[in-house]
N, C-alpha and C. Protein backbone atom coordinates (compact mmCIF):
# COMPACT_ATOMS: atom_id res chain seq x y z
N MET A 1 15.52 -7.05 1.17
CA MET A 1 14.25 -6.79 1.79
C MET A 1 14.47 -5.99 3.06
N GLY A 2 13.69 -4.93 3.27
CA GLY A 2 13.81 -4.09 4.44
C GLY A 2 13.13 -4.70 5.64
N LYS A 3 13.15 -3.95 6.71
CA LYS A 3 12.51 -4.46 7.91
C LYS A 3 10.99 -4.42 7.78
N PRO A 4 10.31 -5.31 8.48
CA PRO A 4 8.85 -5.38 8.37
C PRO A 4 8.18 -4.08 8.82
N VAL A 5 7.07 -3.77 8.19
CA VAL A 5 6.29 -2.60 8.58
C VAL A 5 4.96 -3.11 9.12
N VAL A 6 4.62 -2.66 10.31
CA VAL A 6 3.37 -3.04 10.96
C VAL A 6 2.43 -1.86 10.88
N LYS A 7 1.20 -2.11 10.46
CA LYS A 7 0.19 -1.06 10.38
C LYS A 7 -1.04 -1.53 11.13
N PHE A 8 -1.58 -0.64 11.96
CA PHE A 8 -2.76 -0.99 12.74
C PHE A 8 -3.63 0.24 12.93
N CYS A 9 -4.91 0.00 13.19
CA CYS A 9 -5.86 1.06 13.50
C CYS A 9 -6.25 0.90 14.96
N LYS A 10 -5.91 1.87 15.78
CA LYS A 10 -6.21 1.73 17.20
C LYS A 10 -7.70 1.76 17.48
N LYS A 11 -8.47 2.38 16.60
CA LYS A 11 -9.91 2.48 16.82
C LYS A 11 -10.62 1.14 16.68
N CYS A 12 -10.27 0.37 15.66
CA CYS A 12 -11.02 -0.86 15.43
C CYS A 12 -10.20 -2.14 15.60
N SER A 13 -8.91 -2.05 15.80
CA SER A 13 -8.13 -3.28 15.95
C SER A 13 -7.83 -3.63 17.39
N GLY A 14 -7.91 -2.66 18.28
CA GLY A 14 -7.64 -2.95 19.68
C GLY A 14 -6.20 -2.69 20.10
N ILE A 15 -5.31 -2.47 19.17
CA ILE A 15 -3.91 -2.19 19.48
C ILE A 15 -3.72 -0.68 19.57
N LYS A 16 -2.94 -0.25 20.54
CA LYS A 16 -2.62 1.17 20.70
C LYS A 16 -1.11 1.34 20.63
N PRO A 17 -0.65 2.52 20.25
CA PRO A 17 0.81 2.73 20.18
C PRO A 17 1.54 2.36 21.46
N LYS A 18 0.94 2.61 22.62
CA LYS A 18 1.62 2.28 23.88
C LYS A 18 1.79 0.78 24.06
N ASP A 19 0.96 -0.03 23.38
CA ASP A 19 1.09 -1.48 23.47
C ASP A 19 2.37 -1.97 22.79
N LEU A 20 2.90 -1.19 21.86
CA LEU A 20 4.09 -1.59 21.11
C LEU A 20 5.37 -0.97 21.65
N LYS A 21 5.24 -0.12 22.66
CA LYS A 21 6.40 0.54 23.24
C LYS A 21 7.36 -0.50 23.81
N GLY A 22 8.61 -0.42 23.39
CA GLY A 22 9.62 -1.36 23.83
C GLY A 22 9.63 -2.66 23.06
N ILE A 23 8.67 -2.85 22.15
CA ILE A 23 8.60 -4.08 21.37
C ILE A 23 9.19 -3.87 19.98
N ILE A 24 8.77 -2.78 19.33
CA ILE A 24 9.33 -2.44 18.03
C ILE A 24 9.62 -0.95 17.97
N ASP A 25 10.56 -0.59 17.11
CA ASP A 25 10.93 0.82 16.94
C ASP A 25 9.79 1.61 16.33
N LYS A 26 9.73 2.88 16.65
CA LYS A 26 8.70 3.78 16.13
C LYS A 26 8.70 3.82 14.60
N ASP A 27 9.86 3.70 13.99
CA ASP A 27 9.91 3.77 12.52
C ASP A 27 9.50 2.45 11.85
N SER A 28 9.12 1.44 12.64
CA SER A 28 8.70 0.16 12.08
C SER A 28 7.19 -0.02 12.07
N TRP A 29 6.45 0.95 12.62
CA TRP A 29 4.99 0.82 12.62
C TRP A 29 4.33 2.11 12.20
N LYS A 30 3.11 1.93 11.69
CA LYS A 30 2.29 3.06 11.27
C LYS A 30 0.90 2.86 11.84
N GLU A 31 0.25 3.96 12.14
CA GLU A 31 -1.13 3.89 12.60
C GLU A 31 -2.03 4.42 11.50
N GLY A 32 -3.09 3.69 11.21
CA GLY A 32 -4.03 4.10 10.17
C GLY A 32 -4.92 2.94 9.78
N CYS A 33 -5.78 3.18 8.85
CA CYS A 33 -6.74 2.17 8.41
C CYS A 33 -6.02 0.98 7.78
N VAL A 34 -6.45 -0.22 8.18
CA VAL A 34 -5.90 -1.44 7.58
C VAL A 34 -6.89 -2.10 6.64
N HIS A 35 -8.02 -1.42 6.41
CA HIS A 35 -9.05 -1.88 5.47
C HIS A 35 -9.58 -3.27 5.82
N ALA A 36 -9.82 -3.49 7.11
CA ALA A 36 -10.40 -4.75 7.56
C ALA A 36 -11.48 -4.48 8.62
N CYS A 37 -12.06 -3.30 8.56
CA CYS A 37 -13.03 -2.88 9.56
C CYS A 37 -14.30 -3.71 9.51
N VAL A 38 -14.95 -3.78 10.64
CA VAL A 38 -16.28 -4.36 10.72
C VAL A 38 -17.15 -3.37 11.46
N LYS A 39 -18.43 -3.42 11.21
CA LYS A 39 -19.34 -2.51 11.91
C LYS A 39 -19.32 -2.83 13.40
N LYS A 40 -19.47 -1.80 14.21
CA LYS A 40 -19.43 -1.98 15.66
C LYS A 40 -20.37 -3.09 16.14
N LYS A 41 -21.58 -3.14 15.61
CA LYS A 41 -22.53 -4.15 16.08
C LYS A 41 -22.11 -5.56 15.68
N ASP A 42 -21.31 -5.69 14.62
CA ASP A 42 -20.85 -7.00 14.16
C ASP A 42 -19.46 -7.35 14.68
N ALA A 43 -18.84 -6.42 15.38
CA ALA A 43 -17.46 -6.61 15.81
C ALA A 43 -17.34 -7.70 16.87
N ASP A 44 -16.32 -8.50 16.73
CA ASP A 44 -16.01 -9.52 17.72
C ASP A 44 -14.97 -8.91 18.65
N PRO A 45 -15.31 -8.68 19.91
CA PRO A 45 -14.38 -8.01 20.80
C PRO A 45 -13.10 -8.81 21.06
N GLU A 46 -13.13 -10.09 20.75
CA GLU A 46 -11.95 -10.93 20.95
C GLU A 46 -11.04 -10.97 19.73
N ARG A 47 -11.38 -10.22 18.69
CA ARG A 47 -10.59 -10.25 17.45
C ARG A 47 -9.77 -8.99 17.33
N VAL A 48 -8.47 -9.14 17.21
CA VAL A 48 -7.58 -8.00 16.99
C VAL A 48 -6.77 -8.27 15.73
N PHE A 49 -6.42 -7.21 15.02
CA PHE A 49 -5.73 -7.42 13.76
C PHE A 49 -4.79 -6.27 13.43
N ALA A 50 -3.84 -6.58 12.57
CA ALA A 50 -2.89 -5.60 12.07
C ALA A 50 -2.38 -6.12 10.74
N ARG A 51 -1.73 -5.26 10.01
CA ARG A 51 -1.06 -5.68 8.77
C ARG A 51 0.43 -5.70 9.02
N ILE A 52 1.04 -6.82 8.69
CA ILE A 52 2.49 -6.95 8.79
C ILE A 52 3.00 -7.18 7.38
N ASP A 53 3.76 -6.23 6.88
CA ASP A 53 4.24 -6.26 5.49
C ASP A 53 3.09 -6.42 4.50
N GLY A 54 1.98 -5.77 4.77
CA GLY A 54 0.84 -5.79 3.88
C GLY A 54 -0.09 -6.97 4.05
N ARG A 55 0.31 -7.95 4.86
CA ARG A 55 -0.50 -9.15 5.07
C ARG A 55 -1.35 -8.98 6.33
N LEU A 56 -2.64 -9.20 6.25
CA LEU A 56 -3.52 -9.07 7.40
C LEU A 56 -3.30 -10.24 8.35
N VAL A 57 -3.02 -9.91 9.60
CA VAL A 57 -2.81 -10.92 10.64
C VAL A 57 -3.92 -10.72 11.67
N VAL A 58 -4.69 -11.77 11.92
CA VAL A 58 -5.82 -11.72 12.86
C VAL A 58 -5.54 -12.69 14.00
N CYS A 59 -5.72 -12.21 15.21
CA CYS A 59 -5.50 -13.04 16.40
C CYS A 59 -6.69 -12.92 17.34
N SER A 60 -6.76 -13.82 18.29
CA SER A 60 -7.88 -13.82 19.23
C SER A 60 -7.62 -12.93 20.45
N SER A 61 -6.38 -12.48 20.64
CA SER A 61 -6.10 -11.60 21.76
C SER A 61 -4.99 -10.61 21.40
N LYS A 62 -4.97 -9.52 22.13
CA LYS A 62 -3.94 -8.50 21.91
C LYS A 62 -2.56 -9.09 22.20
N LYS A 63 -2.48 -9.93 23.22
CA LYS A 63 -1.21 -10.56 23.60
C LYS A 63 -0.66 -11.42 22.45
N ASP A 64 -1.53 -12.20 21.81
CA ASP A 64 -1.10 -13.05 20.69
C ASP A 64 -0.64 -12.20 19.50
N LEU A 65 -1.36 -11.12 19.23
CA LEU A 65 -0.99 -10.26 18.10
C LEU A 65 0.35 -9.59 18.36
N ILE A 66 0.56 -9.11 19.56
CA ILE A 66 1.84 -8.47 19.89
C ILE A 66 2.98 -9.48 19.78
N LYS A 67 2.72 -10.74 20.14
CA LYS A 67 3.73 -11.80 19.99
C LYS A 67 4.09 -12.00 18.52
N LYS A 68 3.06 -12.02 17.65
CA LYS A 68 3.31 -12.18 16.20
C LYS A 68 4.07 -10.99 15.63
N ILE A 69 3.74 -9.80 16.09
CA ILE A 69 4.46 -8.60 15.64
C ILE A 69 5.91 -8.68 16.07
N LYS A 70 6.14 -9.07 17.31
CA LYS A 70 7.50 -9.19 17.82
C LYS A 70 8.31 -10.21 17.02
N GLU A 71 7.69 -11.34 16.68
CA GLU A 71 8.36 -12.38 15.88
C GLU A 71 8.69 -11.85 14.49
N ALA A 72 7.81 -11.05 13.91
CA ALA A 72 8.01 -10.54 12.56
C ALA A 72 9.17 -9.56 12.49
N VAL A 73 9.37 -8.80 13.53
CA VAL A 73 10.43 -7.78 13.49
C VAL A 73 11.74 -8.26 14.12
N ALA A 74 11.74 -9.46 14.66
CA ALA A 74 12.96 -10.00 15.30
C ALA A 74 14.02 -10.34 14.29
């Protein structure tokens, strides 16, 4: 099994590439649609998400999500 791949959409997930700087290598993440979008009016501003190895991971804060990403690639 290869190293985990993290995929996130900076527009609707709240994570930006600079948030992952120093946490995971550039070749371990991709930016793009994770197919978990919600309409802006229905969006919960406290919900951030990403896909780790194809599995949707949802957290209540950016800090918690970055911690999960770090654990996955450790």
